[in-house]
């Protein structure tokens, strides 16, 4: 028996603020263009693998396809 069969649905918990940001991030956006509060939330969502960060010097962020 596989682990996926035992678990059934697997989801990552998101807060209301994170959900609002995921809707905004359907298109790629520069991290620097977000306000400071949103940047902190985005950093947490990157750790949860809900958002992908592209680049190092001037990173761009976009929501992962699975979270849409």
PDB file of N, CA and C in Angstrom:
ATOM      1  N   UNK A   1       0.844  -1.172   0.000  1.00  0.00           N
ATOM      2  CA  UNK A   1       0.000   0.000   0.000  1.00  0.00           C
ATOM      3  C   UNK A   1       0.893   1.241   0.000  1.00  0.00           C
ATOM      4  N   UNK A   2       0.541   2.216  -0.802  1.00  0.00           N
ATOM      5  CA  UNK A   2       1.335   3.437  -0.911  1.00  0.00           C
ATOM      6  C   UNK A   2       0.898   4.457   0.136  1.00  0.00           C
ATOM      7  N   UNK A   3       1.820   5.336   0.491  1.00  0.00           N
ATOM      8  CA  UNK A   3       1.531   6.369   1.486  1.00  0.00           C
ATOM      9  C   UNK A   3       0.409   7.286   0.998  1.00  0.00           C
ATOM     10  N   UNK A   4       0.403   7.613  -0.300  1.00  0.00           N
ATOM     11  CA  UNK A   4      -0.644   8.480  -0.837  1.00  0.00           C
ATOM     12  C   UNK A   4      -2.028   7.868  -0.673  1.00  0.00           C
ATOM     13  N   UNK A   5      -2.125   6.556  -0.755  1.00  0.00           N
ATOM     14  CA  UNK A   5      -3.409   5.885  -0.565  1.00  0.00           C
ATOM     15  C   UNK A   5      -3.865   5.984   0.886  1.00  0.00           C
ATOM     16  N   UNK A   6      -2.912   5.939   1.816  1.00  0.00           N
ATOM     17  CA  UNK A   6      -3.255   6.052   3.229  1.00  0.00           C
ATOM     18  C   UNK A   6      -3.671   7.469   3.616  1.00  0.00           C
ATOM     19  N   UNK A   7      -2.966   8.438   3.070  1.00  0.00           N
ATOM     20  CA  UNK A   7      -3.241   9.826   3.427  1.00  0.00           C
ATOM     21  C   UNK A   7      -4.484  10.380   2.748  1.00  0.00           C
ATOM     22  N   UNK A   8      -4.783   9.932   1.559  1.00  0.00           N
ATOM     23  CA  UNK A   8      -5.904  10.506   0.809  1.00  0.00           C
ATOM     24  C   UNK A   8      -5.501  11.871   0.260  1.00  0.00           C
ATOM     25  N   UNK A   9      -6.260  12.882   0.592  1.00  0.00           N
ATOM     26  CA  UNK A   9      -5.946  14.235   0.148  1.00  0.00           C
ATOM     27  C   UNK A   9      -4.867  14.831   1.035  1.00  0.00           C
ATOM     28  N   UNK A  10      -3.900  15.471   0.403  1.00  0.00           N
ATOM     29  CA  UNK A  10      -2.821  16.127   1.128  1.00  0.00           C
ATOM     30  C   UNK A  10      -2.856  17.600   0.775  1.00  0.00           C
ATOM     31  N   UNK A  11      -3.022  18.462   1.748  1.00  0.00           N
ATOM     32  CA  UNK A  11      -3.081  19.892   1.492  1.00  0.00           C
ATOM     33  C   UNK A  11      -2.168  20.645   2.437  1.00  0.00           C
ATOM     34  N   UNK A  12      -1.785  21.827   2.022  1.00  0.00           N
ATOM     35  CA  UNK A  12      -0.948  22.687   2.846  1.00  0.00           C
ATOM     36  C   UNK A  12      -1.829  23.809   3.373  1.00  0.00           C
ATOM     37  N   UNK A  13      -1.819  24.020   4.672  1.00  0.00           N
ATOM     38  CA  UNK A  13      -2.638  25.043   5.294  1.00  0.00           C
ATOM     39  C   UNK A  13      -2.177  26.426   4.846  1.00  0.00           C
ATOM     40  N   UNK A  14      -3.133  27.279   4.466  1.00  0.00           N
ATOM     41  CA  UNK A  14      -2.830  28.669   4.123  1.00  0.00           C
ATOM     42  C   UNK A  14      -3.768  29.582   4.895  1.00  0.00           C
ATOM     43  N   UNK A  15      -3.246  30.709   5.332  1.00  0.00           N
ATOM     44  CA  UNK A  15      -4.063  31.701   6.018  1.00  0.00           C
ATOM     45  C   UNK A  15      -4.833  32.514   4.981  1.00  0.00           C
ATOM     46  N   UNK A  16      -5.735  33.361   5.448  1.00  0.00           N
ATOM     47  CA  UNK A  16      -6.490  34.230   4.549  1.00  0.00           C
ATOM     48  C   UNK A  16      -5.559  35.180   3.800  1.00  0.00           C
ATOM     49  N   UNK A  17      -4.559  35.723   4.490  1.00  0.00           N
ATOM     50  CA  UNK A  17      -3.596  36.630   3.851  1.00  0.00           C
ATOM     51  C   UNK A  17      -2.825  35.914   2.747  1.00  0.00           C
ATOM     52  N   UNK A  18      -2.414  34.683   3.031  1.00  0.00           N
ATOM     53  CA  UNK A  18      -1.683  33.908   2.024  1.00  0.00           C
ATOM     54  C   UNK A  18      -2.569  33.616   0.817  1.00  0.00           C
ATOM     55  N   UNK A  19      -3.828  33.321   1.047  1.00  0.00           N
ATOM     56  CA  UNK A  19      -4.759  33.068  -0.047  1.00  0.00           C
ATOM     57  C   UNK A  19      -4.929  34.290  -0.940  1.00  0.00           C
ATOM     58  N   UNK A  20      -5.017  35.470  -0.330  1.00  0.00           N
ATOM     59  CA  UNK A  20      -5.135  36.715  -1.103  1.00  0.00           C
ATOM     60  C   UNK A  20      -3.889  36.938  -1.956  1.00  0.00           C
ATOM     61  N   UNK A  21      -2.721  36.691  -1.369  1.00  0.00           N
ATOM     62  CA  UNK A  21      -1.475  36.867  -2.116  1.00  0.00           C
ATOM     63  C   UNK A  21      -1.355  35.864  -3.251  1.00  0.00           C
ATOM     64  N   UNK A  22      -1.799  34.638  -3.034  1.00  0.00           N
ATOM     65  CA  UNK A  22      -1.736  33.636  -4.104  1.00  0.00           C
ATOM     66  C   UNK A  22      -2.555  34.083  -5.311  1.00  0.00           C
ATOM     67  N   UNK A  23      -3.676  34.733  -5.055  1.00  0.00           N
ATOM     68  CA  UNK A  23      -4.493  35.245  -6.160  1.00  0.00           C
ATOM     69  C   UNK A  23      -3.757  36.339  -6.918  1.00  0.00           C
ATOM     70  N   UNK A  24      -3.017  37.199  -6.187  1.00  0.00           N
ATOM     71  CA  UNK A  24      -2.251  38.281  -6.819  1.00  0.00           C
ATOM     72  C   UNK A  24      -1.081  37.738  -7.644  1.00  0.00           C
ATOM     73  N   UNK A  25      -0.520  36.623  -7.207  1.00  0.00           N
ATOM     74  CA  UNK A  25       0.717  36.119  -7.797  1.00  0.00           C
ATOM     75  C   UNK A  25       0.492  35.109  -8.916  1.00  0.00           C
ATOM     76  N   UNK A  26      -0.634  35.196  -9.604  1.00  0.00           N
ATOM     77  CA  UNK A  26      -0.861  34.334 -10.760  1.00  0.00           C
ATOM     78  C   UNK A  26       0.095  34.718 -11.884  1.00  0.00           C
ATOM     79  N   UNK A  27       0.471  35.992 -11.937  1.00  0.00           N
ATOM     80  CA  UNK A  27       1.457  36.486 -12.891  1.00  0.00           C
ATOM     81  C   UNK A  27       2.752  36.757 -12.126  1.00  0.00           C
ATOM     82  N   UNK A  28       3.907  36.542 -12.753  1.00  0.00           N
ATOM     83  CA  UNK A  28       5.180  36.833 -12.071  1.00  0.00           C
ATOM     84  C   UNK A  28       5.270  38.310 -11.683  1.00  0.00           C
ATOM     85  N   UNK A  29       5.815  38.575 -10.493  1.00  0.00           N
ATOM     86  CA  UNK A  29       5.993  39.939 -10.001  1.00  0.00           C
ATOM     87  C   UNK A  29       7.320  40.018  -9.256  1.00  0.00           C
ATOM     88  N   UNK A  30       7.977  41.152  -9.342  1.00  0.00           N
ATOM     89  CA  UNK A  30       9.237  41.346  -8.625  1.00  0.00           C
ATOM     90  C   UNK A  30       8.948  41.423  -7.133  1.00  0.00           C
ATOM     91  N   UNK A  31       9.770  40.772  -6.351  1.00  0.00           N
ATOM     92  CA  UNK A  31       9.606  40.746  -4.904  1.00  0.00           C
ATOM     93  C   UNK A  31       9.714  42.158  -4.331  1.00  0.00           C
ATOM     94  N   UNK A  32      10.569  42.994  -4.902  1.00  0.00           N
ATOM     95  CA  UNK A  32      10.769  44.357  -4.410  1.00  0.00           C
ATOM     96  C   UNK A  32       9.532  45.230  -4.618  1.00  0.00           C
ATOM     97  N   UNK A  33       8.633  44.862  -5.520  1.00  0.00           N
ATOM     98  CA  UNK A  33       7.430  45.655  -5.780  1.00  0.00           C
ATOM     99  C   UNK A  33       6.336  45.424  -4.742  1.00  0.00           C
ATOM    100  N   UNK A  34       6.492  44.404  -3.911  1.00  0.00           N
ATOM    101  CA  UNK A  34       5.524  44.129  -2.846  1.00  0.00           C
ATOM    102  C   UNK A  34       5.877  44.939  -1.613  1.00  0.00           C
ATOM    103  N   UNK A  35       4.870  45.276  -0.797  1.00  0.00           N
ATOM    104  CA  UNK A  35       5.173  46.003   0.437  1.00  0.00           C
ATOM    105  C   UNK A  35       5.860  45.055   1.423  1.00  0.00           C
ATOM    106  N   UNK A  36       6.397  45.625   2.510  1.00  0.00           N
ATOM    107  CA  UNK A  36       7.215  44.855   3.439  1.00  0.00           C
ATOM    108  C   UNK A  36       6.444  43.694   4.079  1.00  0.00           C
ATOM    109  N   UNK A  37       5.197  43.922   4.442  1.00  0.00           N
ATOM    110  CA  UNK A  37       4.373  42.872   5.054  1.00  0.00           C
ATOM    111  C   UNK A  37       4.161  41.707   4.088  1.00  0.00           C
ATOM    112  N   UNK A  38       3.839  42.040   2.828  1.00  0.00           N
ATOM    113  CA  UNK A  38       3.637  41.005   1.821  1.00  0.00           C
ATOM    114  C   UNK A  38       4.920  40.228   1.549  1.00  0.00           C
ATOM    115  N   UNK A  39       6.065  40.898   1.610  1.00  0.00           N
ATOM    116  CA  UNK A  39       7.344  40.217   1.397  1.00  0.00           C
ATOM    117  C   UNK A  39       7.589  39.170   2.481  1.00  0.00           C
ATOM    118  N   UNK A  40       7.225  39.489   3.729  1.00  0.00           N
ATOM    119  CA  UNK A  40       7.398  38.538   4.836  1.00  0.00           C
ATOM    120  C   UNK A  40       6.484  37.328   4.626  1.00  0.00           C
ATOM    121  N   UNK A  41       5.246  37.589   4.217  1.00  0.00           N
ATOM    122  CA  UNK A  41       4.300  36.496   3.957  1.00  0.00           C
ATOM    123  C   UNK A  41       4.796  35.633   2.808  1.00  0.00           C
ATOM    124  N   UNK A  42       5.308  36.266   1.757  1.00  0.00           N
ATOM    125  CA  UNK A  42       5.823  35.536   0.589  1.00  0.00           C
ATOM    126  C   UNK A  42       7.000  34.656   0.987  1.00  0.00           C
ATOM    127  N   UNK A  43       7.890  35.151   1.849  1.00  0.00           N
ATOM    128  CA  UNK A  43       9.033  34.342   2.291  1.00  0.00           C
ATOM    129  C   UNK A  43       8.558  33.068   2.991  1.00  0.00           C
ATOM    130  N   UNK A  44       7.519  33.186   3.797  1.00  0.00           N
ATOM    131  CA  UNK A  44       6.953  32.001   4.459  1.00  0.00           C
ATOM    132  C   UNK A  44       6.333  31.040   3.457  1.00  0.00           C
ATOM    133  N   UNK A  45       5.673  31.586   2.434  1.00  0.00           N
ATOM    134  CA  UNK A  45       5.047  30.743   1.419  1.00  0.00           C
ATOM    135  C   UNK A  45       6.085  30.077   0.530  1.00  0.00           C
ATOM    136  N   UNK A  46       7.241  30.705   0.364  1.00  0.00           N
ATOM    137  CA  UNK A  46       8.338  30.069  -0.373  1.00  0.00           C
ATOM    138  C   UNK A  46       8.820  28.845   0.406  1.00  0.00           C
ATOM    139  N   UNK A  47       8.914  28.976   1.733  1.00  0.00           N
ATOM    140  CA  UNK A  47       9.325  27.837   2.579  1.00  0.00           C
ATOM    141  C   UNK A  47       8.309  26.703   2.532  1.00  0.00           C
ATOM    142  N   UNK A  48       7.017  27.045   2.365  1.00  0.00           N
ATOM    143  CA  UNK A  48       5.960  26.040   2.258  1.00  0.00           C
ATOM    144  C   UNK A  48       5.852  25.466   0.847  1.00  0.00           C
ATOM    145  N   UNK A  49       6.646  25.977  -0.086  1.00  0.00           N
ATOM    146  CA  UNK A  49       6.636  25.572  -1.498  1.00  0.00           C
ATOM    147  C   UNK A  49       5.323  25.928  -2.197  1.00  0.00           C
ATOM    148  N   UNK A  50       4.673  26.983  -1.751  1.00  0.00           N
ATOM    149  CA  UNK A  50       3.475  27.468  -2.423  1.00  0.00           C
ATOM    150  C   UNK A  50       3.827  28.458  -3.530  1.00  0.00           C
ATOM    151  N   UNK A  51       5.009  29.074  -3.398  1.00  0.00           N
ATOM    152  CA  UNK A  51       5.476  30.083  -4.354  1.00  0.00           C
ATOM    153  C   UNK A  51       6.886  29.716  -4.781  1.00  0.00           C
ATOM    154  N   UNK A  52       7.190  30.022  -6.036  1.00  0.00           N
ATOM    155  CA  UNK A  52       8.533  29.803  -6.556  1.00  0.00           C
ATOM    156  C   UNK A  52       9.241  31.139  -6.698  1.00  0.00           C
ATOM    157  N   UNK A  53      10.481  31.197  -6.252  1.00  0.00           N
ATOM    158  CA  UNK A  53      11.303  32.403  -6.367  1.00  0.00           C
ATOM    159  C   UNK A  53      12.304  32.179  -7.491  1.00  0.00           C
ATOM    160  N   UNK A  54      12.329  33.109  -8.434  1.00  0.00           N
ATOM    161  CA  UNK A  54      13.210  33.013  -9.593  1.00  0.00           C
ATOM    162  C   UNK A  54      14.249  34.119  -9.533  1.00  0.00           C
ATOM    163  N   UNK A  55      15.515  33.765  -9.536  1.00  0.00           N
ATOM    164  CA  UNK A  55      16.585  34.753  -9.531  1.00  0.00           C
ATOM    165  C   UNK A  55      17.136  34.984  -8.141  1.00  0.00           C
ATOM    166  N   UNK A  56      18.308  35.679  -8.094  1.00  0.00           N
ATOM    167  CA  UNK A  56      18.963  35.934  -6.815  1.00  0.00           C
ATOM    168  C   UNK A  56      19.062  37.423  -6.516  1.00  0.00           C
ATOM    169  N   UNK A  57      19.547  38.229  -7.471  1.00  0.00           N
ATOM    170  CA  UNK A  57      19.775  39.645  -7.206  1.00  0.00           C
ATOM    171  C   UNK A  57      18.474  40.437  -7.129  1.00  0.00           C
ATOM    172  N   UNK A  58      17.597  40.284  -8.096  1.00  0.00           N
ATOM    173  CA  UNK A  58      16.305  40.960  -8.124  1.00  0.00           C
ATOM    174  C   UNK A  58      15.246  39.900  -8.379  1.00  0.00           C
ATOM    175  N   UNK A  59      14.904  39.103  -7.334  1.00  0.00           N
ATOM    176  CA  UNK A  59      14.057  37.923  -7.548  1.00  0.00           C
ATOM    177  C   UNK A  59      12.634  38.251  -7.993  1.00  0.00           C
ATOM    178  N   UNK A  60      12.095  37.344  -8.779  1.00  0.00           N
ATOM    179  CA  UNK A  60      10.707  37.383  -9.210  1.00  0.00           C
ATOM    180  C   UNK A  60      10.006  36.220  -8.525  1.00  0.00           C
ATOM    181  N   UNK A  61       8.763  36.414  -8.102  1.00  0.00           N
ATOM    182  CA  UNK A  61       8.009  35.343  -7.452  1.00  0.00           C
ATOM    183  C   UNK A  61       6.728  35.072  -8.230  1.00  0.00           C
ATOM    184  N   UNK A  62       6.318  33.808  -8.224  1.00  0.00           N
ATOM    185  CA  UNK A  62       5.090  33.396  -8.897  1.00  0.00           C
ATOM    186  C   UNK A  62       4.515  32.194  -8.157  1.00  0.00           C
ATOM    187  N   UNK A  63       3.182  32.085  -8.128  1.00  0.00           N
ATOM    188  CA  UNK A  63       2.515  30.957  -7.463  1.00  0.00           C
ATOM    189  C   UNK A  63       2.790  29.667  -8.219  1.00  0.00           C
ATOM    190  N   UNK A  64       2.966  28.569  -7.497  1.00  0.00           N
ATOM    191  CA  UNK A  64       3.139  27.267  -8.128  1.00  0.00           C
ATOM    192  C   UNK A  64       1.827  26.837  -8.776  1.00  0.00           C
ATOM    193  N   UNK A  65       1.919  26.025  -9.805  1.00  0.00           N
ATOM    194  CA  UNK A  65       0.726  25.578 -10.534  1.00  0.00           C
ATOM    195  C   UNK A  65      -0.205  24.759  -9.649  1.00  0.00           C
ATOM    196  N   UNK A  66       0.328  23.999  -8.726  1.00  0.00           N
ATOM    197  CA  UNK A  66      -0.481  23.130  -7.885  1.00  0.00           C
ATOM    198  C   UNK A  66      -1.365  23.928  -6.920  1.00  0.00           C
ATOM    199  N   UNK A  67      -0.997  25.151  -6.598  1.00  0.00           N
ATOM    200  CA  UNK A  67      -1.767  25.930  -5.628  1.00  0.00           C
ATOM    201  C   UNK A  67      -2.848  26.769  -6.275  1.00  0.00           C
ATOM    202  N   UNK A  68      -2.896  26.803  -7.589  1.00  0.00           N
ATOM    203  CA  UNK A  68      -3.867  27.638  -8.304  1.00  0.00           C
ATOM    204  C   UNK A  68      -5.224  26.990  -8.257  1.00  0.00           C
TER     205      UNK A  68
END
